PDB file of N, CA and C in Angstrom:
ATOM      1  N   UNK A   1     179.819   9.224-110.884  1.00  0.00           N
ATOM      2  CA  UNK A   1     179.083  10.146-110.308  1.00  0.00           C
ATOM      3  C   UNK A   1     179.223  10.479-108.857  1.00  0.00           C
ATOM      4  N   UNK A   2     179.624  11.666-108.606  1.00  0.00           N
ATOM      5  CA  UNK A   2     179.677  12.132-107.191  1.00  0.00           C
ATOM      6  C   UNK A   2     178.480  12.554-106.399  1.00  0.00           C
ATOM      7  N   UNK A   3     178.391  12.285-105.178  1.00  0.00           N
ATOM      8  CA  UNK A   3     177.330  12.771-104.371  1.00  0.00           C
ATOM      9  C   UNK A   3     177.857  13.384-103.337  1.00  0.00           C
ATOM     10  N   UNK A   4     177.543  14.584-102.783  1.00  0.00           N
ATOM     11  CA  UNK A   4     178.048  15.229-101.551  1.00  0.00           C
ATOM     12  C   UNK A   4     177.068  16.027-101.001  1.00  0.00           C
ATOM     13  N   UNK A   5     177.286  16.210 -99.823  1.00  0.00           N
ATOM     14  CA  UNK A   5     176.373  17.148 -98.898  1.00  0.00           C
ATOM     15  C   UNK A   5     177.279  18.375 -98.490  1.00  0.00           C
ATOM     16  N   UNK A   6     176.714  19.636 -98.575  1.00  0.00           N
ATOM     17  CA  UNK A   6     177.358  20.755 -97.960  1.00  0.00           C
ATOM     18  C   UNK A   6     176.367  21.408 -97.149  1.00  0.00           C
ATOM     19  N   UNK A   7     176.896  22.239 -96.350  1.00  0.00           N
ATOM     20  CA  UNK A   7     175.816  22.919 -95.300  1.00  0.00           C
ATOM     21  C   UNK A   7     175.794  24.505 -95.719  1.00  0.00           C
ATOM     22  N   UNK A   8     174.605  24.967 -95.830  1.00  0.00           N
ATOM     23  CA  UNK A   8     174.489  26.465 -96.285  1.00  0.00           C
ATOM     24  C   UNK A   8     174.248  27.082 -95.152  1.00  0.00           C
ATOM     25  N   UNK A   9     174.914  28.281 -95.050  1.00  0.00           N
ATOM     26  CA  UNK A   9     174.786  29.360 -93.838  1.00  0.00           C
ATOM     27  C   UNK A   9     174.031  30.512 -94.439  1.00  0.00           C
ATOM     28  N   UNK A  10     173.338  31.236 -93.536  1.00  0.00           N
ATOM     29  CA  UNK A  10     172.783  32.559 -93.901  1.00  0.00           C
ATOM     30  C   UNK A  10     173.282  33.482 -92.868  1.00  0.00           C
ATOM     31  N   UNK A  11     173.408  34.787 -93.387  1.00  0.00           N
ATOM     32  CA  UNK A  11     173.877  35.804 -92.688  1.00  0.00           C
ATOM     33  C   UNK A  11     172.669  36.614 -92.014  1.00  0.00           C
ATOM     34  N   UNK A  12     172.142  36.332 -90.727  1.00  0.00           N
ATOM     35  CA  UNK A  12     171.008  37.031 -90.229  1.00  0.00           C
ATOM     36  C   UNK A  12     171.563  38.064 -89.349  1.00  0.00           C
ATOM     37  N   UNK A  13     170.832  38.934 -88.786  1.00  0.00           N
ATOM     38  CA  UNK A  13     171.356  40.270 -88.170  1.00  0.00           C
ATOM     39  C   UNK A  13     172.242  39.993 -86.999  1.00  0.00           C
ATOM     40  N   UNK A  14     172.182  38.897 -86.355  1.00  0.00           N
ATOM     41  CA  UNK A  14     173.069  38.562 -85.148  1.00  0.00           C
ATOM     42  C   UNK A  14     174.354  37.931 -85.756  1.00  0.00           C
ATOM     43  N   UNK A  15     174.260  37.209 -86.663  1.00  0.00           N
ATOM     44  CA  UNK A  15     175.554  36.309 -87.070  1.00  0.00           C
ATOM     45  C   UNK A  15     175.232  35.433 -88.227  1.00  0.00           C
ATOM     46  N   UNK A  16     176.216  34.731 -88.732  1.00  0.00           N
ATOM     47  CA  UNK A  16     176.080  33.693 -89.597  1.00  0.00           C
ATOM     48  C   UNK A  16     175.476  32.352 -88.955  1.00  0.00           C
ATOM     49  N   UNK A  17     174.257  31.804 -89.427  1.00  0.00           N
ATOM     50  CA  UNK A  17     173.999  30.600 -88.765  1.00  0.00           C
ATOM     51  C   UNK A  17     173.697  29.599 -89.815  1.00  0.00           C
ATOM     52  N   UNK A  18     173.755  28.274 -89.334  1.00  0.00           N
ATOM     53  CA  UNK A  18     173.539  27.170 -90.372  1.00  0.00           C
ATOM     54  C   UNK A  18     172.111  27.127 -90.856  1.00  0.00           C
ATOM     55  N   UNK A  19     171.747  27.330 -92.066  1.00  0.00           N
ATOM     56  CA  UNK A  19     170.481  27.226 -92.711  1.00  0.00           C
ATOM     57  C   UNK A  19     169.821  25.818 -93.051  1.00  0.00           C
ATOM     58  N   UNK A  20     170.811  24.993 -93.490  1.00  0.00           N
ATOM     59  CA  UNK A  20     170.226  23.704 -93.961  1.00  0.00           C
ATOM     60  C   UNK A  20     171.367  23.024 -94.760  1.00  0.00           C
ATOM     61  N   UNK A  21     171.022  21.797 -95.245  1.00  0.00           N
ATOM     62  CA  UNK A  21     171.858  20.889 -95.850  1.00  0.00           C
ATOM     63  C   UNK A  21     171.678  20.641 -97.444  1.00  0.00           C
ATOM     64  N   UNK A  22     172.518  21.157 -98.257  1.00  0.00           N
ATOM     65  CA  UNK A  22     172.342  20.957 -99.715  1.00  0.00           C
ATOM     66  C   UNK A  22     173.142  19.768-100.058  1.00  0.00           C
ATOM     67  N   UNK A  23     172.285  18.836-100.873  1.00  0.00           N
ATOM     68  CA  UNK A  23     172.844  17.616-101.381  1.00  0.00           C
ATOM     69  C   UNK A  23     172.927  17.633-103.004  1.00  0.00           C
ATOM     70  N   UNK A  24     174.103  17.244-103.294  1.00  0.00           N
ATOM     71  CA  UNK A  24     174.413  17.639-104.857  1.00  0.00           C
ATOM     72  C   UNK A  24     174.969  16.305-105.582  1.00  0.00           C
ATOM     73  N   UNK A  25     174.489  15.928-106.673  1.00  0.00           N
ATOM     74  CA  UNK A  25     174.888  14.828-107.530  1.00  0.00           C
ATOM     75  C   UNK A  25     175.471  15.444-108.780  1.00  0.00           C
ATOM     76  N   UNK A  26     176.554  15.143-109.002  1.00  0.00           N
ATOM     77  CA  UNK A  26     177.200  15.746-110.231  1.00  0.00           C
ATOM     78  C   UNK A  26     178.332  14.659-110.861  1.00  0.00           C
ATOM     79  N   UNK A  27     178.416  14.951-112.203  1.00  0.00           N
ATOM     80  CA  UNK A  27     179.440  14.400-112.884  1.00  0.00           C
ATOM     81  C   UNK A  27     180.534  15.617-113.112  1.00  0.00           C
ATOM     82  N   UNK A  28     180.484  16.178-114.420  1.00  0.00           N
ATOM     83  CA  UNK A  28     181.172  17.232-114.791  1.00  0.00           C
ATOM     84  C   UNK A  28     180.171  18.690-114.285  1.00  0.00           C
ATOM     85  N   UNK A  29     178.996  18.503-114.539  1.00  0.00           N
ATOM     86  CA  UNK A  29     178.039  19.442-114.068  1.00  0.00           C
ATOM     87  C   UNK A  29     177.150  18.942-113.084  1.00  0.00           C
ATOM     88  N   UNK A  30     176.479  19.868-112.445  1.00  0.00           N
ATOM     89  CA  UNK A  30     175.432  19.311-111.396  1.00  0.00           C
ATOM     90  C   UNK A  30     174.176  18.639-112.322  1.00  0.00           C
ATOM     91  N   UNK A  31     173.916  17.527-111.817  1.00  0.00           N
ATOM     92  CA  UNK A  31     172.949  16.662-112.397  1.00  0.00           C
ATOM     93  C   UNK A  31     171.540  16.734-111.662  1.00  0.00           C
ATOM     94  N   UNK A  32     171.621  16.882-110.226  1.00  0.00           N
ATOM     95  CA  UNK A  32     170.450  17.064-109.227  1.00  0.00           C
ATOM     96  C   UNK A  32     170.831  17.805-108.087  1.00  0.00           C
ATOM     97  N   UNK A  33     170.089  18.385-107.483  1.00  0.00           N
ATOM     98  CA  UNK A  33     170.161  18.668-106.004  1.00  0.00           C
ATOM     99  C   UNK A  33     169.048  18.855-105.295  1.00  0.00           C
ATOM    100  N   UNK A  34     168.984  18.847-103.850  1.00  0.00           N
ATOM    101  CA  UNK A  34     167.906  18.878-103.012  1.00  0.00           C
ATOM    102  C   UNK A  34     168.513  19.583-101.681  1.00  0.00           C
ATOM    103  N   UNK A  35     167.532  20.264-101.012  1.00  0.00           N
ATOM    104  CA  UNK A  35     167.861  20.919 -99.889  1.00  0.00           C
ATOM    105  C   UNK A  35     166.950  20.709 -98.685  1.00  0.00           C
ATOM    106  N   UNK A  36     167.414  20.665 -97.468  1.00  0.00           N
ATOM    107  CA  UNK A  36     166.568  20.426 -96.321  1.00  0.00           C
ATOM    108  C   UNK A  36     167.032  21.762 -95.401  1.00  0.00           C
ATOM    109  N   UNK A  37     165.983  22.515 -94.963  1.00  0.00           N
ATOM    110  CA  UNK A  37     166.175  23.436 -93.809  1.00  0.00           C
ATOM    111  C   UNK A  37     166.481  22.833 -92.594  1.00  0.00           C
ATOM    112  N   UNK A  38     167.305  23.368 -91.922  1.00  0.00           N
ATOM    113  CA  UNK A  38     167.476  22.938 -90.527  1.00  0.00           C
ATOM    114  C   UNK A  38     166.351  23.346 -89.629  1.00  0.00           C
ATOM    115  N   UNK A  39     165.709  22.639 -88.675  1.00  0.00           N
ATOM    116  CA  UNK A  39     164.453  22.861 -87.868  1.00  0.00           C
ATOM    117  C   UNK A  39     164.784  24.114 -87.078  1.00  0.00           C
ATOM    118  N   UNK A  40     166.136  24.278 -86.469  1.00  0.00           N
ATOM    119  CA  UNK A  40     166.386  25.466 -85.717  1.00  0.00           C
ATOM    120  C   UNK A  40     166.231  26.746 -86.527  1.00  0.00           C
ATOM    121  N   UNK A  41     166.868  26.633 -87.862  1.00  0.00           N
ATOM    122  CA  UNK A  41     166.577  27.844 -88.602  1.00  0.00           C
ATOM    123  C   UNK A  41     165.271  28.264 -89.066  1.00  0.00           C
ATOM    124  N   UNK A  42     164.531  27.335 -89.410  1.00  0.00           N
ATOM    125  CA  UNK A  42     163.088  27.602 -89.663  1.00  0.00           C
ATOM    126  C   UNK A  42     162.392  28.299 -88.504  1.00  0.00           C
ATOM    127  N   UNK A  43     162.742  28.035 -87.191  1.00  0.00           N
ATOM    128  CA  UNK A  43     162.320  28.622 -86.057  1.00  0.00           C
ATOM    129  C   UNK A  43     162.701  30.025 -85.752  1.00  0.00           C
ATOM    130  N   UNK A  44     163.792  30.603 -86.388  1.00  0.00           N
ATOM    131  CA  UNK A  44     164.345  31.799 -86.276  1.00  0.00           C
ATOM    132  C   UNK A  44     163.206  32.633 -86.834  1.00  0.00           C
ATOM    133  N   UNK A  45     162.902  33.867 -85.937  1.00  0.00           N
ATOM    134  CA  UNK A  45     161.858  34.769 -86.584  1.00  0.00           C
ATOM    135  C   UNK A  45     162.454  35.593 -87.770  1.00  0.00           C
ATOM    136  N   UNK A  46     163.728  35.838 -87.911  1.00  0.00           N
ATOM    137  CA  UNK A  46     164.354  36.506 -88.928  1.00  0.00           C
ATOM    138  C   UNK A  46     165.023  35.748 -90.042  1.00  0.00           C
ATOM    139  N   UNK A  47     164.452  34.371 -90.152  1.00  0.00           N
ATOM    140  CA  UNK A  47     165.254  33.474 -91.084  1.00  0.00           C
ATOM    141  C   UNK A  47     164.634  34.107 -92.524  1.00  0.00           C
ATOM    142  N   UNK A  48     165.645  33.860 -93.441  1.00  0.00           N
ATOM    143  CA  UNK A  48     165.363  34.243 -94.815  1.00  0.00           C
ATOM    144  C   UNK A  48     165.333  33.022 -95.794  1.00  0.00           C
ATOM    145  N   UNK A  49     164.782  33.251 -96.789  1.00  0.00           N
ATOM    146  CA  UNK A  49     164.556  32.189 -97.837  1.00  0.00           C
ATOM    147  C   UNK A  49     166.015  32.121 -98.543  1.00  0.00           C
ATOM    148  N   UNK A  50     166.303  30.891 -98.693  1.00  0.00           N
ATOM    149  CA  UNK A  50     167.674  30.764 -99.467  1.00  0.00           C
ATOM    150  C   UNK A  50     167.521  30.791-100.951  1.00  0.00           C
ATOM    151  N   UNK A  51     166.238  30.415-101.343  1.00  0.00           N
ATOM    152  CA  UNK A  51     165.800  30.717-102.698  1.00  0.00           C
ATOM    153  C   UNK A  51     164.178  30.948-102.712  1.00  0.00           C
ATOM    154  N   UNK A  52     163.789  32.130-102.949  1.00  0.00           N
ATOM    155  CA  UNK A  52     162.507  32.507-102.946  1.00  0.00           C
ATOM    156  C   UNK A  52     161.571  31.624-103.776  1.00  0.00           C
ATOM    157  N   UNK A  53     162.054  31.161-104.746  1.00  0.00           N
ATOM    158  CA  UNK A  53     161.025  30.318-105.775  1.00  0.00           C
ATOM    159  C   UNK A  53     160.941  29.021-105.138  1.00  0.00           C
ATOM    160  N   UNK A  54     162.060  28.257-105.038  1.00  0.00           N
ATOM    161  CA  UNK A  54     162.108  26.762-104.652  1.00  0.00           C
ATOM    162  C   UNK A  54     161.985  26.460-103.180  1.00  0.00           C
ATOM    163  N   UNK A  55     162.522  27.468-102.484  1.00  0.00           N
ATOM    164  CA  UNK A  55     162.844  27.139-100.977  1.00  0.00           C
ATOM    165  C   UNK A  55     162.075  28.268-100.144  1.00  0.00           C
ATOM    166  N   UNK A  56     160.712  28.653-100.396  1.00  0.00           N
ATOM    167  CA  UNK A  56     159.795  29.546 -99.802  1.00  0.00           C
ATOM    168  C   UNK A  56     159.771  29.200 -98.329  1.00  0.00           C
ATOM    169  N   UNK A  57     159.666  30.192 -97.415  1.00  0.00           N
ATOM    170  CA  UNK A  57     159.340  29.816 -95.965  1.00  0.00           C
ATOM    171  C   UNK A  57     157.991  30.365 -95.603  1.00  0.00           C
ATOM    172  N   UNK A  58     157.197  30.519 -96.669  1.00  0.00           N
ATOM    173  CA  UNK A  58     155.893  31.030 -96.149  1.00  0.00           C
ATOM    174  C   UNK A  58     155.016  30.005 -95.692  1.00  0.00           C
ATOM    175  N   UNK A  59     155.130  28.662 -95.909  1.00  0.00           N
ATOM    176  CA  UNK A  59     154.415  27.624 -95.258  1.00  0.00           C
ATOM    177  C   UNK A  59     155.583  26.706 -94.573  1.00  0.00           C
ATOM    178  N   UNK A  60     156.059  27.144 -93.390  1.00  0.00           N
ATOM    179  CA  UNK A  60     156.934  26.545 -92.573  1.00  0.00           C
ATOM    180  C   UNK A  60     156.736  25.200 -92.142  1.00  0.00           C
ATOM    181  N   UNK A  61     155.399  24.795 -91.776  1.00  0.00           N
ATOM    182  CA  UNK A  61     154.990  23.461 -91.471  1.00  0.00           C
ATOM    183  C   UNK A  61     155.291  22.558 -92.704  1.00  0.00           C
ATOM    184  N   UNK A  62     155.113  23.048 -93.931  1.00  0.00           N
ATOM    185  CA  UNK A  62     155.285  22.065 -95.162  1.00  0.00           C
ATOM    186  C   UNK A  62     156.760  21.676 -95.211  1.00  0.00           C
ATOM    187  N   UNK A  63     157.718  22.764 -95.134  1.00  0.00           N
ATOM    188  CA  UNK A  63     159.196  22.583 -95.374  1.00  0.00           C
ATOM    189  C   UNK A  63     159.920  22.019 -94.138  1.00  0.00           C
ATOM    190  N   UNK A  64     159.253  21.918 -92.970  1.00  0.00           N
ATOM    191  CA  UNK A  64     159.940  21.378 -91.814  1.00  0.00           C
ATOM    192  C   UNK A  64     160.142  19.821 -92.012  1.00  0.00           C
ATOM    193  N   UNK A  65     161.401  19.457 -91.895  1.00  0.00           N
ATOM    194  CA  UNK A  65     161.839  18.177 -92.206  1.00  0.00           C
ATOM    195  C   UNK A  65     161.614  17.495 -93.690  1.00  0.00           C
ATOM    196  N   UNK A  66     161.413  18.446 -94.633  1.00  0.00           N
ATOM    197  CA  UNK A  66     161.186  18.033 -96.003  1.00  0.00           C
ATOM    198  C   UNK A  66     162.476  18.121 -96.933  1.00  0.00           C
ATOM    199  N   UNK A  67     162.637  17.452 -97.700  1.00  0.00           N
ATOM    200  CA  UNK A  67     163.590  17.650 -98.757  1.00  0.00           C
ATOM    201  C   UNK A  67     163.032  18.386 -99.950  1.00  0.00           C
ATOM    202  N   UNK A  68     163.654  19.353-100.221  1.00  0.00           N
ATOM    203  CA  UNK A  68     162.942  20.197-101.279  1.00  0.00           C
ATOM    204  C   UNK A  68     163.886  20.086-102.624  1.00  0.00           C
ATOM    205  N   UNK A  69     163.208  20.195-103.652  1.00  0.00           N
ATOM    206  CA  UNK A  69     163.920  20.199-105.197  1.00  0.00           C
ATOM    207  C   UNK A  69     163.640  21.482-105.758  1.00  0.00           C
ATOM    208  N   UNK A  70     164.569  21.826-106.760  1.00  0.00           N
ATOM    209  CA  UNK A  70     164.260  22.957-107.443  1.00  0.00           C
ATOM    210  C   UNK A  70     163.095  22.916-108.359  1.00  0.00           C
ATOM    211  N   UNK A  71     162.527  24.202-108.520  1.00  0.00           N
ATOM    212  CA  UNK A  71     161.401  24.234-109.333  1.00  0.00           C
ATOM    213  C   UNK A  71     161.649  24.012-110.836  1.00  0.00           C
ATOM    214  N   UNK A  72     160.402  23.688-111.664  1.00  0.00           N
ATOM    215  CA  UNK A  72     160.417  23.489-112.998  1.00  0.00           C
ATOM    216  C   UNK A  72     161.581  22.460-113.553  1.00  0.00           C
ATOM    217  N   UNK A  73     161.849  21.424-112.771  1.00  0.00           N
ATOM    218  CA  UNK A  73     162.733  20.409-113.061  1.00  0.00           C
ATOM    219  C   UNK A  73     164.249  20.792-113.420  1.00  0.00           C
ATOM    220  N   UNK A  74     164.616  21.978-112.758  1.00  0.00           N
ATOM    221  CA  UNK A  74     165.947  22.332-112.695  1.00  0.00           C
ATOM    222  C   UNK A  74     166.869  21.537-111.973  1.00  0.00           C
ATOM    223  N   UNK A  75     168.195  21.555-112.200  1.00  0.00           N
ATOM    224  CA  UNK A  75     169.187  20.787-111.459  1.00  0.00           C
ATOM    225  C   UNK A  75     169.664  21.537-110.303  1.00  0.00           C
ATOM    226  N   UNK A  76     169.468  22.951-110.272  1.00  0.00           N
ATOM    227  CA  UNK A  76     170.006  23.658-109.032  1.00  0.00           C
ATOM    228  C   UNK A  76     169.034  24.653-108.831  1.00  0.00           C
ATOM    229  N   UNK A  77     169.234  25.301-107.505  1.00  0.00           N
ATOM    230  CA  UNK A  77     168.419  26.286-106.890  1.00  0.00           C
ATOM    231  C   UNK A  77     168.911  27.544-107.361  1.00  0.00           C
ATOM    232  N   UNK A  78     168.055  28.398-107.941  1.00  0.00           N
ATOM    233  CA  UNK A  78     168.379  29.653-108.416  1.00  0.00           C
ATOM    234  C   UNK A  78     169.230  30.480-107.375  1.00  0.00           C
ATOM    235  N   UNK A  79     168.752  30.577-106.036  1.00  0.00           N
ATOM    236  CA  UNK A  79     169.365  31.469-105.044  1.00  0.00           C
ATOM    237  C   UNK A  79     170.694  30.884-104.666  1.00  0.00           C
ATOM    238  N   UNK A  80     170.972  29.643-104.802  1.00  0.00           N
ATOM    239  CA  UNK A  80     172.349  29.023-104.328  1.00  0.00           C
ATOM    240  C   UNK A  80     173.224  29.212-105.748  1.00  0.00           C
ATOM    241  N   UNK A  81     172.842  28.910-106.831  1.00  0.00           N
ATOM    242  CA  UNK A  81     173.511  29.087-108.105  1.00  0.00           C
ATOM    243  C   UNK A  81     174.002  30.456-108.180  1.00  0.00           C
ATOM    244  N   UNK A  82     173.282  31.344-108.036  1.00  0.00           N
ATOM    245  CA  UNK A  82     173.534  32.819-108.149  1.00  0.00           C
ATOM    246  C   UNK A  82     174.884  33.120-107.132  1.00  0.00           C
ATOM    247  N   UNK A  83     174.941  32.610-106.008  1.00  0.00           N
ATOM    248  CA  UNK A  83     175.772  32.669-104.890  1.00  0.00           C
ATOM    249  C   UNK A  83     177.164  32.159-105.211  1.00  0.00           C
ATOM    250  N   UNK A  84     177.118  31.148-106.256  1.00  0.00           N
ATOM    251  CA  UNK A  84     178.588  30.695-106.318  1.00  0.00           C
ATOM    252  C   UNK A  84     179.191  31.137-107.468  1.00  0.00           C
ATOM    253  N   UNK A  85     180.601  30.949-107.559  1.00  0.00           N
ATOM    254  CA  UNK A  85     181.487  31.587-108.518  1.00  0.00           C
ATOM    255  C   UNK A  85     181.116  31.129-109.928  1.00  0.00           C
ATOM    256  N   UNK A  86     181.328  32.060-110.814  1.00  0.00           N
ATOM    257  CA  UNK A  86     180.738  31.789-112.217  1.00  0.00           C
ATOM    258  C   UNK A  86     182.051  30.577-112.977  1.00  0.00           C
ATOM    259  N   UNK A  87     182.960  30.544-112.549  1.00  0.00           N
ATOM    260  CA  UNK A  87     184.117  29.739-113.119  1.00  0.00           C
ATOM    261  C   UNK A  87     184.712  28.904-111.879  1.00  0.00           C
TER     262      UNK A  87
END
């Protein structure tokens, strides 16, 4: 079983900026994932949600410093999974 961290960037109007850290546990397929927004990213007035279902920014104090997990006991975040290659 492999565990790794990757950094997720978002394209805001001024530039690409680091949005947070995605931690992935996988064997052949992804078994689990979690995400933590960067505190400087949360403070950006034009920050966008990486995944509107599981990584909402409507309650910024709740997500600040928290590790968030995919909704409905899924192994991956939909907004991140949709952005990855199909194969």
